[in-house]
Amino acid sequence: MQRPGGRTARVRTAVLKAAEDALVELGFAGLDLGDVARRAEVGRTTVYRRWGSVGALLADLLTDMAEQSLPRARTGSLDEDLRANARLVRATLADPRQGALFRAVLTAATCDEAAAEALHRFYRVRVEEWAPCVAEAVDRGELPPDTDPFEVVRAVSAPLYYRMLTTPDPLDQPTADRAAAAALAAARAGTFRRTPLD
């Protein structure tokens, strides 16, 4: 889909940047369309007419974040690809701005249906981007033939989100590498097969 250009694109960019700033500073509870309009230096009417609700604005922000995300690694090695994925997730969550933004978005998804749907779409896009590295490893005979690529990719990032949300411990590179290694070992053992062994 081609993005609109000109003033429409400039307004969207300014409003999404302002929404990010507000989420980082105030969290989801502090996100207000009028405040976002003021920060973006656009008319309140423009923001209310285009987005209409905080949930719709958050959905658009997540769409933009998915579109701007880095492409997957293509190393030819599943071990290296999963490690690259884990390091990318770690770098995002450990970044002071991006980490705060994701915490706010996760909070929003627990109480706002539009935010939850947008978050699900965001992660579907990201998992779909990385799943081919697992499918390619299956084709190379490195993993059981009925391995679910989506579950392997989710298993890489899940421990990193859990650590971010439940502990004050830093998200460092060894933590990311352990998450990737654990997902790889489980995949090789058949844990993520679509038809598990009895």
N, C-alpha and C. Protein backbone atom coordinates (compact mmCIF):
# COMPACT_ATOMS: atom_id res chain seq x y z
N MET A 1 0.85 -1.19 0.00
CA MET A 1 0.00 0.00 0.00
C MET A 1 0.88 1.24 0.00
N GLN A 2 0.62 2.16 -0.92
CA GLN A 2 1.43 3.36 -1.01
C GLN A 2 0.97 4.37 0.03
N ARG A 3 1.92 4.94 0.73
CA ARG A 3 1.57 5.93 1.75
C ARG A 3 1.23 7.26 1.10
N PRO A 4 0.28 7.98 1.70
CA PRO A 4 0.01 9.31 1.18
C PRO A 4 1.21 10.22 1.43
N GLY A 5 1.39 11.16 0.52
CA GLY A 5 2.53 12.08 0.65
C GLY A 5 2.07 13.45 1.08
N GLY A 6 2.98 14.42 0.98
CA GLY A 6 2.66 15.80 1.26
C GLY A 6 2.27 16.07 2.69
N ARG A 7 1.30 16.97 2.86
CA ARG A 7 0.89 17.39 4.19
C ARG A 7 0.36 16.23 5.02
N THR A 8 -0.40 15.33 4.39
CA THR A 8 -0.98 14.20 5.12
C THR A 8 0.12 13.37 5.77
N ALA A 9 1.17 13.10 5.02
CA ALA A 9 2.29 12.32 5.57
C ALA A 9 3.00 13.06 6.68
N ARG A 10 3.17 14.37 6.49
CA ARG A 10 3.86 15.17 7.53
C ARG A 10 3.05 15.21 8.82
N VAL A 11 1.74 15.35 8.69
CA VAL A 11 0.88 15.36 9.87
C VAL A 11 0.95 14.02 10.59
N ARG A 12 0.86 12.93 9.83
CA ARG A 12 0.92 11.60 10.44
C ARG A 12 2.24 11.40 11.16
N THR A 13 3.34 11.77 10.52
CA THR A 13 4.65 11.62 11.14
C THR A 13 4.74 12.41 12.43
N ALA A 14 4.28 13.66 12.41
CA ALA A 14 4.35 14.52 13.60
C ALA A 14 3.48 13.98 14.72
N VAL A 15 2.29 13.50 14.38
CA VAL A 15 1.37 13.01 15.40
C VAL A 15 1.89 11.70 16.00
N LEU A 16 2.41 10.81 15.17
CA LEU A 16 2.93 9.54 15.71
C LEU A 16 4.16 9.78 16.59
N LYS A 17 5.00 10.73 16.20
CA LYS A 17 6.17 11.07 17.04
C LYS A 17 5.69 11.65 18.37
N ALA A 18 4.69 12.51 18.32
CA ALA A 18 4.15 13.09 19.54
C ALA A 18 3.50 12.02 20.43
N ALA A 19 2.81 11.08 19.81
CA ALA A 19 2.20 9.99 20.58
C ALA A 19 3.28 9.14 21.25
N GLU A 20 4.35 8.86 20.53
CA GLU A 20 5.48 8.13 21.13
C GLU A 20 6.03 8.88 22.33
N ASP A 21 6.27 10.18 22.15
CA ASP A 21 6.81 10.99 23.25
C ASP A 21 5.91 10.93 24.47
N ALA A 22 4.61 11.07 24.23
CA ALA A 22 3.65 11.06 25.35
C ALA A 22 3.63 9.70 26.04
N LEU A 23 3.67 8.62 25.26
CA LEU A 23 3.67 7.28 25.85
C LEU A 23 4.92 7.06 26.70
N VAL A 24 6.06 7.49 26.19
CA VAL A 24 7.32 7.31 26.92
C VAL A 24 7.30 8.11 28.22
N GLU A 25 6.79 9.34 28.15
CA GLU A 25 6.80 10.22 29.33
C GLU A 25 5.70 9.88 30.33
N LEU A 26 4.49 9.57 29.82
CA LEU A 26 3.32 9.49 30.69
C LEU A 26 2.70 8.10 30.78
N GLY A 27 3.09 7.19 29.89
CA GLY A 27 2.45 5.88 29.85
C GLY A 27 1.09 5.96 29.17
N PHE A 28 0.46 4.81 29.02
CA PHE A 28 -0.83 4.76 28.32
C PHE A 28 -1.89 5.58 29.04
N ALA A 29 -1.89 5.55 30.37
CA ALA A 29 -2.92 6.27 31.12
C ALA A 29 -2.87 7.77 30.86
N GLY A 30 -1.69 8.29 30.50
CA GLY A 30 -1.54 9.72 30.25
C GLY A 30 -1.71 10.14 28.81
N LEU A 31 -1.99 9.17 27.92
CA LEU A 31 -2.12 9.49 26.50
C LEU A 31 -3.46 10.16 26.24
N ASP A 32 -3.41 11.35 25.65
CA ASP A 32 -4.61 12.15 25.42
C ASP A 32 -4.49 12.77 24.02
N LEU A 33 -5.54 12.66 23.22
CA LEU A 33 -5.48 13.15 21.84
C LEU A 33 -5.23 14.65 21.78
N GLY A 34 -5.81 15.41 22.70
CA GLY A 34 -5.59 16.85 22.71
C GLY A 34 -4.13 17.19 23.00
N ASP A 35 -3.53 16.49 23.95
CA ASP A 35 -2.12 16.70 24.27
C ASP A 35 -1.23 16.30 23.09
N VAL A 36 -1.58 15.19 22.43
CA VAL A 36 -0.81 14.77 21.26
C VAL A 36 -0.88 15.83 20.16
N ALA A 37 -2.07 16.39 19.93
CA ALA A 37 -2.22 17.45 18.93
C ALA A 37 -1.34 18.65 19.27
N ARG A 38 -1.32 19.03 20.55
CA ARG A 38 -0.50 20.18 20.98
C ARG A 38 0.98 19.89 20.75
N ARG A 39 1.42 18.69 21.14
CA ARG A 39 2.83 18.32 20.96
C ARG A 39 3.22 18.30 19.49
N ALA A 40 2.31 17.82 18.65
CA ALA A 40 2.59 17.71 17.21
C ALA A 40 2.42 19.03 16.47
N GLU A 41 1.85 20.01 17.16
CA GLU A 41 1.58 21.33 16.58
C GLU A 41 0.64 21.22 15.38
N VAL A 42 -0.42 20.42 15.57
CA VAL A 42 -1.47 20.32 14.57
C VAL A 42 -2.80 20.56 15.28
N GLY A 43 -3.83 20.83 14.51
CA GLY A 43 -5.13 21.11 15.09
C GLY A 43 -5.75 19.90 15.78
N ARG A 44 -6.40 20.15 16.89
CA ARG A 44 -7.09 19.06 17.60
C ARG A 44 -8.09 18.37 16.70
N THR A 45 -8.81 19.18 15.89
CA THR A 45 -9.82 18.63 14.99
C THR A 45 -9.20 17.63 14.03
N THR A 46 -8.01 17.95 13.53
CA THR A 46 -7.32 17.05 12.60
C THR A 46 -7.06 15.70 13.25
N VAL A 47 -6.57 15.74 14.49
CA VAL A 47 -6.25 14.50 15.20
C VAL A 47 -7.52 13.72 15.51
N TYR A 48 -8.55 14.39 16.01
CA TYR A 48 -9.79 13.69 16.35
C TYR A 48 -10.48 13.14 15.10
N ARG A 49 -10.42 13.89 13.99
CA ARG A 49 -11.07 13.43 12.76
C ARG A 49 -10.33 12.22 12.18
N ARG A 50 -9.01 12.26 12.19
CA ARG A 50 -8.24 11.17 11.55
C ARG A 50 -8.18 9.91 12.42
N TRP A 51 -7.95 10.09 13.74
CA TRP A 51 -7.77 8.90 14.59
C TRP A 51 -8.98 8.60 15.47
N GLY A 52 -9.62 9.62 16.01
CA GLY A 52 -10.87 9.42 16.72
C GLY A 52 -10.78 8.90 18.14
N SER A 53 -9.78 8.10 18.43
CA SER A 53 -9.64 7.54 19.77
C SER A 53 -8.17 7.24 20.04
N VAL A 54 -7.86 7.12 21.32
CA VAL A 54 -6.50 6.76 21.72
C VAL A 54 -6.14 5.38 21.17
N GLY A 55 -7.09 4.45 21.20
CA GLY A 55 -6.83 3.10 20.69
C GLY A 55 -6.49 3.11 19.21
N ALA A 56 -7.21 3.92 18.42
CA ALA A 56 -6.94 4.00 16.98
C ALA A 56 -5.57 4.63 16.72
N LEU A 57 -5.21 5.63 17.52
CA LEU A 57 -3.90 6.26 17.37
C LEU A 57 -2.79 5.27 17.72
N LEU A 58 -2.99 4.52 18.78
CA LEU A 58 -2.00 3.52 19.17
C LEU A 58 -1.87 2.44 18.10
N ALA A 59 -3.00 2.06 17.50
CA ALA A 59 -2.96 1.07 16.42
C ALA A 59 -2.14 1.57 15.25
N ASP A 60 -2.30 2.83 14.90
CA ASP A 60 -1.53 3.40 13.79
C ASP A 60 -0.05 3.49 14.15
N LEU A 61 0.24 3.82 15.40
CA LEU A 61 1.63 3.88 15.84
C LEU A 61 2.29 2.50 15.72
N LEU A 62 1.59 1.46 16.13
CA LEU A 62 2.13 0.11 16.03
C LEU A 62 2.30 -0.33 14.58
N THR A 63 1.37 0.08 13.72
CA THR A 63 1.51 -0.21 12.29
C THR A 63 2.78 0.43 11.76
N ASP A 64 3.01 1.68 12.14
CA ASP A 64 4.21 2.39 11.69
C ASP A 64 5.48 1.71 12.23
N MET A 65 5.45 1.30 13.49
CA MET A 65 6.60 0.63 14.09
C MET A 65 6.91 -0.67 13.36
N ALA A 66 5.87 -1.42 12.99
CA ALA A 66 6.08 -2.68 12.26
C ALA A 66 6.70 -2.41 10.90
N GLU A 67 6.22 -1.35 10.23
CA GLU A 67 6.75 -1.01 8.91
C GLU A 67 8.20 -0.54 8.97
N GLN A 68 8.59 0.07 10.09
CA GLN A 68 9.95 0.60 10.22
C GLN A 68 10.93 -0.41 10.80
N SER A 69 10.44 -1.57 11.24
CA SER A 69 11.31 -2.55 11.88
C SER A 69 12.34 -3.09 10.91
N LEU A 70 13.49 -3.46 11.46
CA LEU A 70 14.57 -3.98 10.64
C LEU A 70 14.21 -5.34 10.06
N PRO A 71 14.68 -5.65 8.86
CA PRO A 71 14.43 -6.97 8.28
C PRO A 71 15.21 -8.05 9.02
N ARG A 72 14.82 -9.29 8.81
CA ARG A 72 15.47 -10.39 9.50
C ARG A 72 16.88 -10.62 8.99
N ALA A 73 17.66 -11.30 9.81
CA ALA A 73 19.00 -11.71 9.39
C ALA A 73 18.89 -12.85 8.38
N ARG A 74 19.88 -12.96 7.52
CA ARG A 74 19.92 -14.04 6.53
C ARG A 74 21.34 -14.58 6.49
N THR A 75 21.72 -15.32 7.53
CA THR A 75 23.10 -15.79 7.65
C THR A 75 23.31 -17.18 7.06
N GLY A 76 22.21 -17.93 6.84
CA GLY A 76 22.34 -19.30 6.39
C GLY A 76 22.55 -20.28 7.53
N SER A 77 22.60 -19.76 8.76
CA SER A 77 22.76 -20.59 9.96
C SER A 77 21.62 -20.28 10.90
N LEU A 78 20.86 -21.29 11.30
CA LEU A 78 19.74 -21.06 12.21
C LEU A 78 20.24 -20.52 13.54
N ASP A 79 21.34 -21.05 14.02
CA ASP A 79 21.92 -20.57 15.28
C ASP A 79 22.19 -19.07 15.21
N GLU A 80 22.84 -18.63 14.13
CA GLU A 80 23.16 -17.21 13.97
C GLU A 80 21.91 -16.37 13.76
N ASP A 81 20.96 -16.89 12.99
CA ASP A 81 19.73 -16.14 12.75
C ASP A 81 18.94 -15.92 14.04
N LEU A 82 18.80 -16.98 14.85
CA LEU A 82 18.06 -16.83 16.10
C LEU A 82 18.78 -15.92 17.07
N ARG A 83 20.11 -16.00 17.08
CA ARG A 83 20.88 -15.10 17.94
C ARG A 83 20.69 -13.65 17.49
N ALA A 84 20.68 -13.42 16.18
CA ALA A 84 20.46 -12.06 15.66
C ALA A 84 19.08 -11.55 16.06
N ASN A 85 18.07 -12.43 15.99
CA ASN A 85 16.72 -12.04 16.40
C ASN A 85 16.69 -11.67 17.87
N ALA A 86 17.29 -12.51 18.71
CA ALA A 86 17.30 -12.25 20.15
C ALA A 86 18.03 -10.95 20.46
N ARG A 87 19.13 -10.70 19.79
CA ARG A 87 19.89 -9.46 20.04
C ARG A 87 19.12 -8.23 19.59
N LEU A 88 18.37 -8.34 18.50
CA LEU A 88 17.55 -7.22 18.04
C LEU A 88 16.44 -6.92 19.06
N VAL A 89 15.77 -7.97 19.53
CA VAL A 89 14.72 -7.78 20.54
C VAL A 89 15.32 -7.17 21.80
N ARG A 90 16.46 -7.69 22.24
CA ARG A 90 17.11 -7.17 23.44
C ARG A 90 17.47 -5.71 23.29
N ALA A 91 18.06 -5.35 22.14
CA ALA A 91 18.46 -3.96 21.91
C ALA A 91 17.25 -3.03 21.96
N THR A 92 16.14 -3.49 21.40
CA THR A 92 14.91 -2.67 21.41
C THR A 92 14.39 -2.50 22.83
N LEU A 93 14.27 -3.59 23.57
CA LEU A 93 13.69 -3.52 24.91
C LEU A 93 14.61 -2.84 25.91
N ALA A 94 15.93 -2.93 25.69
CA ALA A 94 16.88 -2.31 26.62
C ALA A 94 17.09 -0.83 26.34
N ASP A 95 16.66 -0.39 25.16
CA ASP A 95 16.79 1.03 24.82
C ASP A 95 15.85 1.84 25.71
N PRO A 96 16.35 2.92 26.34
CA PRO A 96 15.48 3.66 27.28
C PRO A 96 14.17 4.13 26.66
N ARG A 97 14.22 4.63 25.43
CA ARG A 97 13.00 5.13 24.80
C ARG A 97 12.13 3.97 24.30
N GLN A 98 12.71 3.06 23.53
CA GLN A 98 11.94 1.98 22.96
C GLN A 98 11.38 1.04 24.04
N GLY A 99 12.19 0.77 25.07
CA GLY A 99 11.73 -0.08 26.16
C GLY A 99 10.52 0.52 26.86
N ALA A 100 10.60 1.83 27.15
CA ALA A 100 9.47 2.51 27.79
C ALA A 100 8.24 2.49 26.89
N LEU A 101 8.46 2.66 25.60
CA LEU A 101 7.35 2.65 24.65
C LEU A 101 6.67 1.28 24.63
N PHE A 102 7.46 0.20 24.59
CA PHE A 102 6.87 -1.13 24.57
C PHE A 102 6.16 -1.45 25.88
N ARG A 103 6.69 -1.01 27.01
CA ARG A 103 5.98 -1.23 28.28
C ARG A 103 4.62 -0.54 28.26
N ALA A 104 4.58 0.68 27.73
CA ALA A 104 3.32 1.42 27.65
C ALA A 104 2.33 0.72 26.71
N VAL A 105 2.82 0.23 25.60
CA VAL A 105 1.96 -0.45 24.63
C VAL A 105 1.42 -1.75 25.21
N LEU A 106 2.27 -2.49 25.91
CA LEU A 106 1.81 -3.73 26.53
C LEU A 106 0.75 -3.45 27.59
N THR A 107 0.94 -2.39 28.35
CA THR A 107 -0.06 -1.99 29.34
C THR A 107 -1.37 -1.64 28.66
N ALA A 108 -1.28 -0.88 27.57
CA ALA A 108 -2.49 -0.48 26.84
C ALA A 108 -3.26 -1.69 26.34
N ALA A 109 -2.53 -2.70 25.88
CA ALA A 109 -3.17 -3.89 25.30
C ALA A 109 -3.97 -4.68 26.32
N THR A 110 -3.69 -4.47 27.61
CA THR A 110 -4.44 -5.20 28.64
C THR A 110 -5.81 -4.59 28.91
N CYS A 111 -6.02 -3.35 28.46
CA CYS A 111 -7.27 -2.69 28.82
C CYS A 111 -7.97 -2.00 27.63
N ASP A 112 -7.38 -2.09 26.45
CA ASP A 112 -7.97 -1.43 25.29
C ASP A 112 -7.99 -2.42 24.13
N GLU A 113 -9.18 -2.73 23.63
CA GLU A 113 -9.32 -3.76 22.60
C GLU A 113 -8.60 -3.39 21.32
N ALA A 114 -8.70 -2.11 20.91
CA ALA A 114 -8.02 -1.68 19.69
C ALA A 114 -6.51 -1.80 19.84
N ALA A 115 -6.01 -1.45 21.02
CA ALA A 115 -4.57 -1.56 21.27
C ALA A 115 -4.14 -3.01 21.24
N ALA A 116 -4.95 -3.90 21.81
CA ALA A 116 -4.61 -5.33 21.82
C ALA A 116 -4.58 -5.88 20.40
N GLU A 117 -5.56 -5.53 19.58
CA GLU A 117 -5.59 -6.00 18.20
C GLU A 117 -4.38 -5.48 17.43
N ALA A 118 -4.03 -4.22 17.65
CA ALA A 118 -2.88 -3.64 16.96
C ALA A 118 -1.58 -4.30 17.40
N LEU A 119 -1.49 -4.62 18.68
CA LEU A 119 -0.29 -5.29 19.18
C LEU A 119 -0.17 -6.69 18.57
N HIS A 120 -1.29 -7.39 18.46
CA HIS A 120 -1.27 -8.72 17.85
C HIS A 120 -0.82 -8.63 16.39
N ARG A 121 -1.31 -7.62 15.67
CA ARG A 121 -0.89 -7.43 14.27
C ARG A 121 0.60 -7.13 14.19
N PHE A 122 1.08 -6.27 15.09
CA PHE A 122 2.50 -5.91 15.11
C PHE A 122 3.37 -7.16 15.25
N TYR A 123 3.04 -7.99 16.24
CA TYR A 123 3.87 -9.17 16.47
C TYR A 123 3.69 -10.22 15.37
N ARG A 124 2.51 -10.28 14.77
CA ARG A 124 2.33 -11.20 13.65
C ARG A 124 3.27 -10.81 12.49
N VAL A 125 3.35 -9.51 12.22
CA VAL A 125 4.25 -9.03 11.16
C VAL A 125 5.69 -9.38 11.49
N ARG A 126 6.10 -9.16 12.74
CA ARG A 126 7.49 -9.41 13.11
C ARG A 126 7.81 -10.91 13.09
N VAL A 127 6.88 -11.75 13.58
CA VAL A 127 7.14 -13.19 13.57
C VAL A 127 7.16 -13.71 12.13
N GLU A 128 6.26 -13.20 11.29
CA GLU A 128 6.26 -13.60 9.88
C GLU A 128 7.57 -13.21 9.19
N GLU A 129 8.17 -12.11 9.61
CA GLU A 129 9.44 -11.69 9.04
C GLU A 129 10.55 -12.67 9.36
N TRP A 130 10.55 -13.22 10.59
CA TRP A 130 11.65 -14.09 11.04
C TRP A 130 11.38 -15.58 10.84
N ALA A 131 10.13 -15.98 10.69
CA ALA A 131 9.82 -17.42 10.57
C ALA A 131 10.53 -18.11 9.41
N PRO A 132 10.78 -17.46 8.28
CA PRO A 132 11.45 -18.17 7.18
C PRO A 132 12.83 -18.73 7.55
N CYS A 133 13.53 -18.12 8.49
CA CYS A 133 14.84 -18.67 8.85
C CYS A 133 14.68 -20.06 9.47
N VAL A 134 13.57 -20.28 10.17
CA VAL A 134 13.30 -21.59 10.75
C VAL A 134 12.86 -22.56 9.66
N ALA A 135 11.98 -22.10 8.77
CA ALA A 135 11.51 -22.95 7.67
C ALA A 135 12.68 -23.39 6.79
N GLU A 136 13.61 -22.48 6.56
CA GLU A 136 14.79 -22.83 5.76
C GLU A 136 15.64 -23.87 6.47
N ALA A 137 15.74 -23.77 7.80
CA ALA A 137 16.49 -24.77 8.57
C ALA A 137 15.81 -26.14 8.50
N VAL A 138 14.47 -26.13 8.50
CA VAL A 138 13.74 -27.39 8.33
C VAL A 138 14.06 -27.99 6.97
N ASP A 139 14.06 -27.15 5.93
CA ASP A 139 14.37 -27.62 4.58
C ASP A 139 15.79 -28.18 4.49
N ARG A 140 16.70 -27.65 5.28
CA ARG A 140 18.08 -28.14 5.29
C ARG A 140 18.24 -29.40 6.14
N GLY A 141 17.18 -29.81 6.81
CA GLY A 141 17.24 -31.01 7.63
C GLY A 141 17.79 -30.78 9.03
N GLU A 142 17.87 -29.51 9.46
CA GLU A 142 18.41 -29.20 10.78
C GLU A 142 17.40 -29.38 11.90
N LEU A 143 16.11 -29.36 11.54
CA LEU A 143 15.04 -29.48 12.53
C LEU A 143 14.03 -30.51 12.04
N PRO A 144 13.22 -31.07 12.95
CA PRO A 144 12.17 -32.00 12.52
C PRO A 144 11.29 -31.37 11.43
N PRO A 145 10.82 -32.17 10.49
CA PRO A 145 10.10 -31.62 9.33
C PRO A 145 8.79 -30.92 9.66
N ASP A 146 8.17 -31.22 10.79
CA ASP A 146 6.90 -30.56 11.12
C ASP A 146 7.08 -29.50 12.21
N THR A 147 8.27 -28.95 12.31
CA THR A 147 8.52 -27.87 13.26
C THR A 147 7.70 -26.64 12.89
N ASP A 148 7.08 -26.01 13.89
CA ASP A 148 6.30 -24.80 13.68
C ASP A 148 7.24 -23.59 13.77
N PRO A 149 7.55 -22.94 12.65
CA PRO A 149 8.49 -21.83 12.67
C PRO A 149 8.05 -20.67 13.57
N PHE A 150 6.74 -20.43 13.61
CA PHE A 150 6.24 -19.31 14.42
C PHE A 150 6.50 -19.55 15.90
N GLU A 151 6.31 -20.77 16.35
CA GLU A 151 6.53 -21.07 17.77
C GLU A 151 8.01 -20.94 18.13
N VAL A 152 8.90 -21.32 17.23
CA VAL A 152 10.33 -21.19 17.50
C VAL A 152 10.70 -19.72 17.67
N VAL A 153 10.22 -18.87 16.76
CA VAL A 153 10.54 -17.44 16.83
C VAL A 153 9.98 -16.82 18.10
N ARG A 154 8.74 -17.19 18.45
CA ARG A 154 8.15 -16.67 19.69
C ARG A 154 8.95 -17.10 20.91
N ALA A 155 9.49 -18.32 20.87
CA ALA A 155 10.25 -18.83 22.01
C ALA A 155 11.56 -18.08 22.21
N VAL A 156 12.06 -17.45 21.17
CA VAL A 156 13.29 -16.65 21.30
C VAL A 156 13.03 -15.38 22.11
N SER A 157 11.97 -14.67 21.77
CA SER A 157 11.74 -13.36 22.40
C SER A 157 10.97 -13.43 23.71
N ALA A 158 10.18 -14.48 23.93
CA ALA A 158 9.34 -14.54 25.14
C ALA A 158 10.14 -14.37 26.44
N PRO A 159 11.29 -15.04 26.61
CA PRO A 159 12.03 -14.85 27.87
C PRO A 159 12.54 -13.42 28.06
N LEU A 160 12.79 -12.73 26.96
CA LEU A 160 13.30 -11.37 27.06
C LEU A 160 12.21 -10.41 27.53
N TYR A 161 10.99 -10.58 27.00
CA TYR A 161 9.87 -9.77 27.47
C TYR A 161 9.56 -10.09 28.92
N TYR A 162 9.58 -11.36 29.27
CA TYR A 162 9.29 -11.75 30.65
C TYR A 162 10.29 -11.11 31.60
N ARG A 163 11.56 -11.14 31.25
CA ARG A 163 12.58 -10.54 32.11
C ARG A 163 12.37 -9.03 32.23
N MET A 164 12.05 -8.37 31.12
CA MET A 164 11.82 -6.93 31.15
C MET A 164 10.66 -6.57 32.08
N LEU A 165 9.59 -7.38 32.02
CA LEU A 165 8.37 -7.06 32.75
C LEU A 165 8.40 -7.48 34.21
N THR A 166 9.24 -8.45 34.57
CA THR A 166 9.14 -9.02 35.92
C THR A 166 10.36 -8.79 36.80
N THR A 167 11.45 -8.25 36.25
CA THR A 167 12.63 -8.03 37.07
C THR A 167 13.27 -6.69 36.73
N PRO A 168 14.07 -6.16 37.65
CA PRO A 168 14.83 -4.95 37.34
C PRO A 168 16.18 -5.28 36.71
N ASP A 169 16.45 -6.58 36.50
CA ASP A 169 17.75 -7.00 35.97
C ASP A 169 17.93 -6.48 34.55
N PRO A 170 19.16 -6.12 34.20
CA PRO A 170 19.40 -5.60 32.86
C PRO A 170 19.23 -6.68 31.80
N LEU A 171 18.80 -6.24 30.63
CA LEU A 171 18.71 -7.13 29.49
C LEU A 171 20.02 -7.00 28.72
N ASP A 172 20.94 -7.92 28.97
CA ASP A 172 22.24 -7.83 28.32
C ASP A 172 22.36 -8.85 27.20
N GLN A 173 23.46 -8.77 26.47
CA GLN A 173 23.64 -9.65 25.32
C GLN A 173 23.72 -11.13 25.72
N PRO A 174 24.41 -11.50 26.81
CA PRO A 174 24.40 -12.91 27.20
C PRO A 174 22.99 -13.45 27.46
N THR A 175 22.11 -12.61 28.00
CA THR A 175 20.73 -13.03 28.22
C THR A 175 20.04 -13.32 26.89
N ALA A 176 20.26 -12.43 25.91
CA ALA A 176 19.69 -12.65 24.58
C ALA A 176 20.23 -13.92 23.96
N ASP A 177 21.54 -14.13 24.08
CA ASP A 177 22.15 -15.32 23.47
C ASP A 177 21.62 -16.60 24.12
N ARG A 178 21.40 -16.57 25.44
CA ARG A 178 20.83 -17.74 26.13
C ARG A 178 19.42 -18.04 25.64
N ALA A 179 18.63 -16.99 25.43
CA ALA A 179 17.26 -17.19 24.94
C ALA A 179 17.28 -17.85 23.56
N ALA A 180 18.17 -17.39 22.70
CA ALA A 180 18.27 -17.98 21.36
C ALA A 180 18.74 -19.43 21.44
N ALA A 181 19.74 -19.69 22.28
CA ALA A 181 20.27 -21.05 22.41
C ALA A 181 19.22 -22.00 22.97
N ALA A 182 18.44 -21.54 23.93
CA ALA A 182 17.39 -22.38 24.52
C ALA A 182 16.31 -22.71 23.49
N ALA A 183 15.91 -21.71 22.70
CA ALA A 183 14.90 -21.95 21.67
C ALA A 183 15.42 -22.93 20.62
N LEU A 184 16.69 -22.78 20.26
CA LEU A 184 17.29 -23.67 19.27
C LEU A 184 17.36 -25.11 19.80
N ALA A 185 17.80 -25.28 21.04
CA ALA A 185 17.89 -26.61 21.63
C ALA A 185 16.51 -27.27 21.70
N ALA A 186 15.51 -26.49 22.10
CA ALA A 186 14.16 -27.03 22.19
C ALA A 186 13.63 -27.42 20.81
N ALA A 187 13.92 -26.59 19.81
CA ALA A 187 13.47 -26.89 18.45
C ALA A 187 14.12 -28.17 17.94
N ARG A 188 15.43 -28.31 18.18
CA ARG A 188 16.14 -29.52 17.74
C ARG A 188 15.60 -30.77 18.44
N ALA A 189 15.14 -30.61 19.69
CA ALA A 189 14.60 -31.74 20.46
C ALA A 189 13.17 -32.08 20.06
N GLY A 190 12.57 -31.29 19.17
CA GLY A 190 11.22 -31.57 18.71
C GLY A 190 10.12 -30.92 19.52
N THR A 191 10.48 -30.00 20.41
CA THR A 191 9.49 -29.36 21.28
C THR A 191 8.44 -28.58 20.49
N PHE A 192 8.81 -28.04 19.34
CA PHE A 192 7.91 -27.17 18.59
C PHE A 192 7.31 -27.88 17.37
N ARG A 193 7.29 -29.19 17.42
CA ARG A 193 6.65 -29.93 16.34
C ARG A 193 5.13 -29.71 16.38
N ARG A 194 4.52 -29.64 15.21
CA ARG A 194 3.07 -29.46 15.16
C ARG A 194 2.34 -30.70 15.67
N THR A 195 2.98 -31.85 15.51
CA THR A 195 2.42 -33.10 16.03
C THR A 195 3.42 -33.66 17.03
N PRO A 196 3.32 -33.25 18.31
CA PRO A 196 4.32 -33.69 19.30
C PRO A 196 4.33 -35.20 19.47
N LEU A 197 5.50 -35.70 19.81
CA LEU A 197 5.61 -37.12 20.13
C LEU A 197 4.91 -37.40 21.46
N ASP A 198 4.28 -38.57 21.59
CA ASP A 198 3.64 -38.95 22.86
C ASP A 198 4.69 -39.41 23.86
